[in-house]
């Protein structure tokens, strides 16, 4: 399978994943929707209100696309470990629904204008609906544990729930650090590469790690194997974030969906590219770069100036190579616990695709 084949695989899995997502968060809530069967209302529901404030804005975002690579990662790891991913597809939706919930919250926190080429959820439906919806999306997918309890042993159910709790704390910490950095609550020039990688491990690595560890548990793997697969998936998530940072600066097609090239500069985000440039640049260029980041400017000339500094010191290329090395190193450990299979080959190709994508 080549990279084109991976893209086709993701498209196929996206359709399947959306079908399963609709079980838990339907396009239109009805009295017999699964959520009400697992937790029946005690009085009369206003279904119209729920459809207007939950179902409609949720599917407005979901129908814009998205790679759905976390559910694909879940199924491939489950199969590669000898499990039956078809049996556990309900669980593949957990990290995907949560991920999209974080996007809605991120857009509010960053005062973003566009998401996947259209106005952000809060811009269309209001702050109140967007914030509440993101909260719904953090908790609702765990109904899978209730709806599919017959498929899991008590130990498996306990481990899946523990993974969920641990990773939800982690993702909140990652977002907190990121917010603090671009609000200037830490000294920019003192933020290290290791601190950035830890922030990414929390923020972007968390849901990939959640998908991998849940898939491992459901496939019957022990804690050691689940941890190795979790670390591999985390490295993919971190590399994915680094590639996002790179594409924000050089990916014209990618940047259209965010509002333009260099939006991370406008938001004052601290990225691996920024950290590397601050380590290598002259004193004057460091001051220039910090000043531009602290301005939160939309000025195209100033954003171009920042990119010039990044290019001058090879910071963009450094970030790309660092991302690839992270995945390569973690794969060396992960592949030792995976028996030969087509799922194993496809898993490695998916990782390579995600860190080499153009959009």
Protein backbone atom coordinates (compact mmCIF):
# COMPACT_ATOMS: atom_id res chain seq x y z
CA UNK A 1 0.00 0.00 0.00
CA UNK A 2 1.38 3.44 -0.96
CA UNK A 3 0.53 6.86 0.51
CA UNK A 4 -2.43 7.16 -1.84
CA UNK A 5 -3.65 3.88 -0.46
CA UNK A 6 -3.39 5.25 3.09
CA UNK A 7 -5.52 8.24 2.07
CA UNK A 8 -8.12 5.89 0.63
CA UNK A 9 -8.01 3.78 3.78
CA UNK A 10 -8.64 6.86 5.92
CA UNK A 11 -11.60 7.88 3.74
CA UNK A 12 -13.12 4.41 4.01
CA UNK A 13 -12.63 4.26 7.76
CA UNK A 14 -14.03 7.81 8.14
CA UNK A 15 -17.37 6.68 6.71
CA UNK A 16 -17.48 3.70 9.06
CA UNK A 17 -16.47 5.81 12.06
CA UNK A 18 -19.15 8.43 11.31
CA UNK A 19 -21.75 5.66 11.17
CA UNK A 20 -20.75 4.53 14.66
CA UNK A 21 -20.53 8.10 15.96
CA UNK A 22 -24.17 8.58 14.94
CA UNK A 23 -25.15 5.79 17.35
CA UNK A 24 -24.04 7.95 20.25
CA UNK A 25 -24.54 11.46 18.93
CA UNK A 26 -27.20 11.23 16.20
CA UNK A 27 -27.96 13.85 13.59
CA UNK A 28 -31.37 14.12 15.19
CA UNK A 29 -32.18 13.09 18.72
CA UNK A 30 -35.31 10.99 19.08
CA UNK A 31 -36.99 9.47 22.12
CA UNK A 32 -35.42 6.07 21.41
CA UNK A 33 -31.88 7.39 20.80
CA UNK A 34 -29.24 5.23 22.49
CA UNK A 35 -28.26 7.95 24.95
CA UNK A 36 -31.79 7.98 26.37
CA UNK A 37 -31.96 4.20 26.47
CA UNK A 38 -28.79 3.99 28.56
CA UNK A 39 -29.83 6.91 30.78
CA UNK A 40 -33.62 7.36 30.50
CA UNK A 41 -35.06 10.83 31.23
CA UNK A 42 -37.47 10.92 34.16
CA UNK A 43 -39.74 13.56 32.63
CA UNK A 44 -40.57 15.09 29.24
CA UNK A 45 -37.58 15.96 27.03
CA UNK A 46 -37.37 19.01 24.77
CA UNK A 47 -35.82 17.17 21.83
CA UNK A 48 -35.95 20.29 19.66
CA UNK A 49 -33.68 22.13 22.09
CA UNK A 50 -31.17 19.28 22.15
CA UNK A 51 -31.15 19.07 18.36
CA UNK A 52 -30.57 22.82 18.04
CA UNK A 53 -27.89 23.08 20.73
CA UNK A 54 -26.12 19.71 20.40
CA UNK A 55 -26.88 17.63 17.29
CA UNK A 56 -26.91 20.45 14.72
CA UNK A 57 -23.67 22.21 15.76
CA UNK A 58 -21.94 18.86 16.30
CA UNK A 59 -22.63 17.60 12.79
CA UNK A 60 -21.97 21.01 11.30
CA UNK A 61 -18.36 20.52 12.43
CA UNK A 62 -18.09 16.79 11.74
CA UNK A 63 -19.41 17.09 8.19
CA UNK A 64 -16.57 19.47 7.29
CA UNK A 65 -14.20 16.53 7.19
CA UNK A 66 -11.19 15.62 9.25
CA UNK A 67 -8.84 12.70 8.80
CA UNK A 68 -10.33 10.44 11.49
CA UNK A 69 -6.83 9.00 11.88
CA UNK A 70 -7.19 8.24 15.58
CA UNK A 71 -9.97 5.68 15.00
CA UNK A 72 -7.89 4.23 12.15
CA UNK A 73 -4.96 3.96 14.55
CA UNK A 74 -7.25 2.22 17.06
CA UNK A 75 -8.41 -0.42 14.58
CA UNK A 76 -4.95 -1.11 13.17
CA UNK A 77 -3.38 -1.56 16.62
CA UNK A 78 -6.22 -3.80 17.73
CA UNK A 79 -5.81 -6.00 14.65
CA UNK A 80 -2.01 -5.95 14.79
CA UNK A 81 -2.18 -7.31 18.34
CA UNK A 82 -4.44 -10.15 17.25
CA UNK A 83 -7.73 -8.59 18.30
CA UNK A 84 -10.90 -8.14 16.25
CA UNK A 85 -11.35 -4.42 15.62
CA UNK A 86 -14.76 -5.00 14.00
CA UNK A 87 -16.03 -6.20 17.36
CA UNK A 88 -14.91 -3.00 19.09
CA UNK A 89 -15.68 -0.27 16.55
CA UNK A 90 -17.92 1.51 19.06
CA UNK A 91 -14.82 2.20 21.16
CA UNK A 92 -12.95 3.69 18.19
CA UNK A 93 -15.26 6.72 18.33
CA UNK A 94 -14.15 7.72 21.85
CA UNK A 95 -10.94 9.60 20.94
CA UNK A 96 -12.49 11.02 17.76
CA UNK A 97 -15.48 12.64 19.45
CA UNK A 98 -13.25 13.98 22.24
CA UNK A 99 -10.76 15.33 19.67
CA UNK A 100 -13.44 17.34 17.90
CA UNK A 101 -14.65 18.61 21.26
CA UNK A 102 -11.16 19.96 21.93
CA UNK A 103 -11.20 21.75 18.56
CA UNK A 104 -14.38 23.60 19.49
CA UNK A 105 -12.88 24.59 22.86
CA UNK A 106 -9.52 25.53 21.30
CA UNK A 107 -11.19 27.87 18.83
CA UNK A 108 -12.94 29.70 21.66
CA UNK A 109 -9.75 29.92 23.72
CA UNK A 110 -7.65 31.08 20.76
CA UNK A 111 -10.32 33.47 19.38
CA UNK A 112 -9.92 31.66 16.03
CA UNK A 113 -12.15 32.55 13.09
CA UNK A 114 -11.98 29.51 10.81
CA UNK A 115 -12.00 25.76 11.33
CA UNK A 116 -11.71 23.45 8.32
CA UNK A 117 -12.39 26.35 5.98
CA UNK A 118 -15.60 27.59 7.64
CA UNK A 119 -16.44 29.84 10.60
CA UNK A 120 -15.72 28.25 13.96
CA UNK A 121 -18.59 26.66 15.86
CA UNK A 122 -18.79 29.51 18.38
CA UNK A 123 -18.95 32.03 15.55
CA UNK A 124 -22.03 30.32 14.07
CA UNK A 125 -23.89 29.06 17.13
CA UNK A 126 -22.60 31.27 19.96
CA UNK A 127 -20.12 30.92 22.80
CA UNK A 128 -22.60 29.32 25.17
CA UNK A 129 -23.58 26.52 22.80
CA UNK A 130 -19.96 25.91 21.72
CA UNK A 131 -18.64 25.63 25.28
CA UNK A 132 -21.45 23.35 26.39
CA UNK A 133 -21.11 21.19 23.28
CA UNK A 134 -17.39 20.70 23.82
CA UNK A 135 -18.17 19.52 27.36
CA UNK A 136 -20.78 17.08 26.06
CA UNK A 137 -18.20 15.70 23.63
CA UNK A 138 -15.71 15.03 26.43
CA UNK A 139 -18.12 12.77 28.33
CA UNK A 140 -20.77 11.36 26.00
CA UNK A 141 -18.53 8.88 24.10
CA UNK A 142 -17.88 6.96 27.31
CA UNK A 143 -21.44 5.68 27.00
CA UNK A 144 -19.76 2.99 24.91
CA UNK A 145 -18.69 1.34 28.17
CA UNK A 146 -22.32 1.09 29.25
CA UNK A 147 -23.76 0.14 25.86
CA UNK A 148 -21.14 -2.57 25.24
CA UNK A 149 -20.53 -3.87 28.75
CA UNK A 150 -21.22 -7.45 27.64
CA UNK A 151 -18.13 -7.38 25.40
CA UNK A 152 -15.70 -6.55 28.20
CA UNK A 153 -14.46 -8.31 31.27
CA UNK A 154 -14.64 -6.28 34.48
CA UNK A 155 -10.85 -5.85 34.33
CA UNK A 156 -10.96 -4.58 30.75
CA UNK A 157 -13.75 -2.12 31.58
CA UNK A 158 -11.75 -0.86 34.57
CA UNK A 159 -8.59 -0.38 32.48
CA UNK A 160 -10.44 1.42 29.67
CA UNK A 161 -12.04 3.79 32.17
CA UNK A 162 -8.71 4.44 33.92
CA UNK A 163 -7.07 5.24 30.58
CA UNK A 164 -9.87 7.69 29.80
CA UNK A 165 -9.55 9.52 33.15
CA UNK A 166 -5.76 9.73 33.00
CA UNK A 167 -5.68 11.01 29.44
CA UNK A 168 -8.45 13.57 29.95
CA UNK A 169 -6.41 15.10 32.78
CA UNK A 170 -3.34 15.08 30.53
CA UNK A 171 -5.05 16.80 27.63
CA UNK A 172 -6.33 19.55 29.90
CA UNK A 173 -2.82 20.10 31.28
CA UNK A 174 -1.41 20.27 27.76
CA UNK A 175 -3.93 22.90 26.74
CA UNK A 176 -3.25 24.87 29.94
CA UNK A 177 0.48 25.01 29.19
CA UNK A 178 -0.13 26.03 25.57
CA UNK A 179 -2.51 28.81 26.62
CA UNK A 180 -0.08 30.09 29.25
CA UNK A 181 2.72 30.22 26.69
CA UNK A 182 0.90 32.18 24.04
CA UNK A 183 -0.55 34.52 26.66
CA UNK A 184 3.01 35.34 27.71
CA UNK A 185 2.70 33.80 31.20
CA UNK A 186 6.10 32.12 30.72
CA UNK A 187 9.32 33.70 29.45
CA UNK A 188 9.43 32.70 25.77
CA UNK A 189 13.21 32.50 25.51
CA UNK A 190 13.38 30.11 28.48
CA UNK A 191 11.00 27.47 27.12
CA UNK A 192 13.00 24.38 26.16
CA UNK A 193 12.52 21.76 23.46
CA UNK A 194 11.83 19.10 26.10
CA UNK A 195 9.13 21.27 27.65
CA UNK A 196 7.55 21.76 24.24
CA UNK A 197 7.60 18.02 23.55
CA UNK A 198 5.98 17.34 26.93
CA UNK A 199 3.27 19.90 26.18
CA UNK A 200 2.61 18.14 22.87
CA UNK A 201 2.65 14.73 24.57
CA UNK A 202 -0.18 16.02 26.74
CA UNK A 203 -2.09 18.04 24.17
CA UNK A 204 -1.79 16.13 20.90
CA UNK A 205 -0.20 12.87 21.97
CA UNK A 206 -2.87 12.14 24.55
CA UNK A 207 -5.78 11.09 22.31
CA UNK A 208 -3.52 9.00 20.07
CA UNK A 209 -2.16 7.33 23.20
CA UNK A 210 -5.71 6.85 24.50
CA UNK A 211 -6.73 5.17 21.22
CA UNK A 212 -3.68 2.89 21.25
CA UNK A 213 -3.93 1.83 24.89
CA UNK A 214 -7.67 1.20 24.70
CA UNK A 215 -7.17 -0.86 21.52
CA UNK A 216 -4.41 -2.84 23.25
CA UNK A 217 -6.59 -3.60 26.28
CA UNK A 218 -9.49 -4.71 24.09
CA UNK A 219 -7.14 -6.92 22.06
CA UNK A 220 -6.15 -8.67 25.27
CA UNK A 221 -2.64 -7.20 25.60
CA UNK A 222 -0.94 -6.80 28.96
CA UNK A 223 0.09 -3.47 30.50
CA UNK A 224 3.65 -3.61 29.16
CA UNK A 225 2.47 -4.03 25.56
CA UNK A 226 -0.24 -1.40 26.01
CA UNK A 227 2.37 1.06 27.30
CA UNK A 228 4.68 0.44 24.32
CA UNK A 229 1.85 0.92 21.86
CA UNK A 230 0.78 4.00 23.78
CA UNK A 231 4.26 5.53 23.50
CA UNK A 232 4.35 4.80 19.78
CA UNK A 233 0.95 6.42 19.29
CA UNK A 234 2.00 9.38 21.44
CA UNK A 235 5.00 9.94 19.18
CA UNK A 236 2.66 10.00 16.18
CA UNK A 237 0.49 12.60 17.91
CA UNK A 238 3.49 14.77 18.78
CA UNK A 239 4.88 14.45 15.25
CA UNK A 240 1.44 15.30 13.87
CA UNK A 241 1.46 18.51 15.93
CA UNK A 242 4.96 19.41 14.78
CA UNK A 243 3.88 18.88 11.17
CA UNK A 244 0.86 21.11 11.84
CA UNK A 245 3.26 23.79 13.09
CA UNK A 246 5.35 23.44 9.93
CA UNK A 247 2.36 23.47 7.59
CA UNK A 248 1.06 26.62 9.27
CA UNK A 249 4.19 28.31 7.95
CA UNK A 250 4.68 26.68 4.55
CA UNK A 251 1.47 24.86 3.60
CA UNK A 252 -0.69 27.20 1.54
CA UNK A 253 -3.53 24.68 1.09
CA UNK A 254 -3.38 23.61 4.74
CA UNK A 255 -3.41 27.22 5.94
CA UNK A 256 -6.60 28.08 4.03
CA UNK A 257 -8.66 26.18 6.55
CA UNK A 258 -7.17 28.19 9.42
CA UNK A 259 -7.38 31.64 7.87
CA UNK A 260 -3.99 31.95 6.21
CA UNK A 261 -0.28 31.22 6.47
CA UNK A 262 1.29 32.07 9.81
CA UNK A 263 -1.80 32.10 12.02
CA UNK A 264 0.26 30.49 14.79
CA UNK A 265 2.48 33.58 14.69
CA UNK A 266 -0.59 35.78 15.12
CA UNK A 267 -1.67 33.67 18.10
CA UNK A 268 1.84 33.92 19.56
CA UNK A 269 2.18 30.15 19.74
CA UNK A 270 5.41 28.62 20.94
CA UNK A 271 6.36 25.79 18.60
CA UNK A 272 9.44 23.66 18.04
CA UNK A 273 10.25 25.89 15.08
CA UNK A 274 10.17 28.97 17.33
CA UNK A 275 12.22 27.34 20.09
CA UNK A 276 14.92 26.20 17.64
CA UNK A 277 15.09 29.65 16.02
CA UNK A 278 15.43 31.38 19.39
CA UNK A 279 18.33 29.06 20.25
CA UNK A 280 20.18 29.76 16.99
CA UNK A 281 19.34 33.35 16.05
CA UNK A 282 21.38 36.46 16.76
CA UNK A 283 20.41 38.64 19.71
CA UNK A 284 18.69 41.17 17.43
CA UNK A 285 16.75 38.48 15.58
CA UNK A 286 15.68 36.90 18.86
CA UNK A 287 14.32 40.25 20.00
CA UNK A 288 12.56 40.68 16.66
CA UNK A 289 10.94 37.26 16.83
CA UNK A 290 9.80 37.63 20.45
CA UNK A 291 8.39 41.08 19.69
CA UNK A 292 6.41 39.76 16.71
CA UNK A 293 5.02 36.85 18.73
CA UNK A 294 4.01 39.09 21.63
CA UNK A 295 2.23 41.51 19.28
CA UNK A 296 -0.28 38.86 18.11
CA UNK A 297 -0.10 40.67 14.82
CA UNK A 298 -2.06 40.02 11.64
CA UNK A 299 0.41 42.10 9.65
CA UNK A 300 1.59 39.96 6.71
CA UNK A 301 4.99 41.66 6.50
CA UNK A 302 5.74 40.94 10.15
CA UNK A 303 4.67 37.33 9.80
CA UNK A 304 6.93 37.00 6.76
CA UNK A 305 9.78 38.46 8.81
CA UNK A 306 9.31 35.72 11.40
CA UNK A 307 9.30 33.05 8.68
CA UNK A 308 12.50 34.52 7.24
CA UNK A 309 14.21 34.01 10.59
CA UNK A 310 12.92 30.43 10.77
CA UNK A 311 14.25 29.67 7.30
CA UNK A 312 17.59 31.37 7.87
CA UNK A 313 18.42 29.04 10.76
CA UNK A 314 16.92 25.87 9.29
CA UNK A 315 14.30 25.72 12.04
CA UNK A 316 11.53 24.42 9.80
CA UNK A 317 13.67 21.58 8.48
CA UNK A 318 14.90 20.83 11.98
CA UNK A 319 11.32 20.43 13.20
CA UNK A 320 10.44 18.07 10.34
CA UNK A 321 13.48 15.88 11.02
CA UNK A 322 12.77 15.84 14.76
CA UNK A 323 9.21 14.70 14.12
CA UNK A 324 10.37 11.84 11.89
CA UNK A 325 13.00 10.76 14.43
CA UNK A 326 10.45 10.63 17.26
CA UNK A 327 8.26 8.19 15.34
CA UNK A 328 11.21 6.14 14.10
CA UNK A 329 12.61 5.69 17.62
CA UNK A 330 9.29 4.70 19.17
CA UNK A 331 8.51 2.30 16.30
CA UNK A 332 11.70 0.36 17.06
CA UNK A 333 10.19 -0.55 20.44
CA UNK A 334 6.61 -1.03 19.25
CA UNK A 335 7.41 -3.38 16.39
CA UNK A 336 9.10 -5.82 18.78
CA UNK A 337 5.76 -6.68 20.38
CA UNK A 338 3.78 -6.87 17.12
CA UNK A 339 3.75 -10.16 15.19
CA UNK A 340 4.08 -9.92 11.38
CA UNK A 341 0.78 -8.95 9.74
CA UNK A 342 -0.75 -6.66 7.13
CA UNK A 343 -2.14 -4.53 9.95
CA UNK A 344 1.39 -4.02 11.27
CA UNK A 345 2.65 -2.89 7.84
CA UNK A 346 -0.29 -0.54 7.39
CA UNK A 347 0.20 0.88 10.89
CA UNK A 348 3.76 1.92 10.06
CA UNK A 349 2.63 3.42 6.75
CA UNK A 350 -0.08 5.41 8.53
CA UNK A 351 2.52 6.85 10.89
CA UNK A 352 4.78 7.80 7.96
CA UNK A 353 1.85 9.40 6.14
CA UNK A 354 0.81 11.53 9.11
CA UNK A 355 4.26 13.08 9.53
CA UNK A 356 4.81 13.66 5.81
CA UNK A 357 1.39 15.03 4.83
CA UNK A 358 0.93 18.30 2.97
CA UNK A 359 -2.53 19.12 4.33
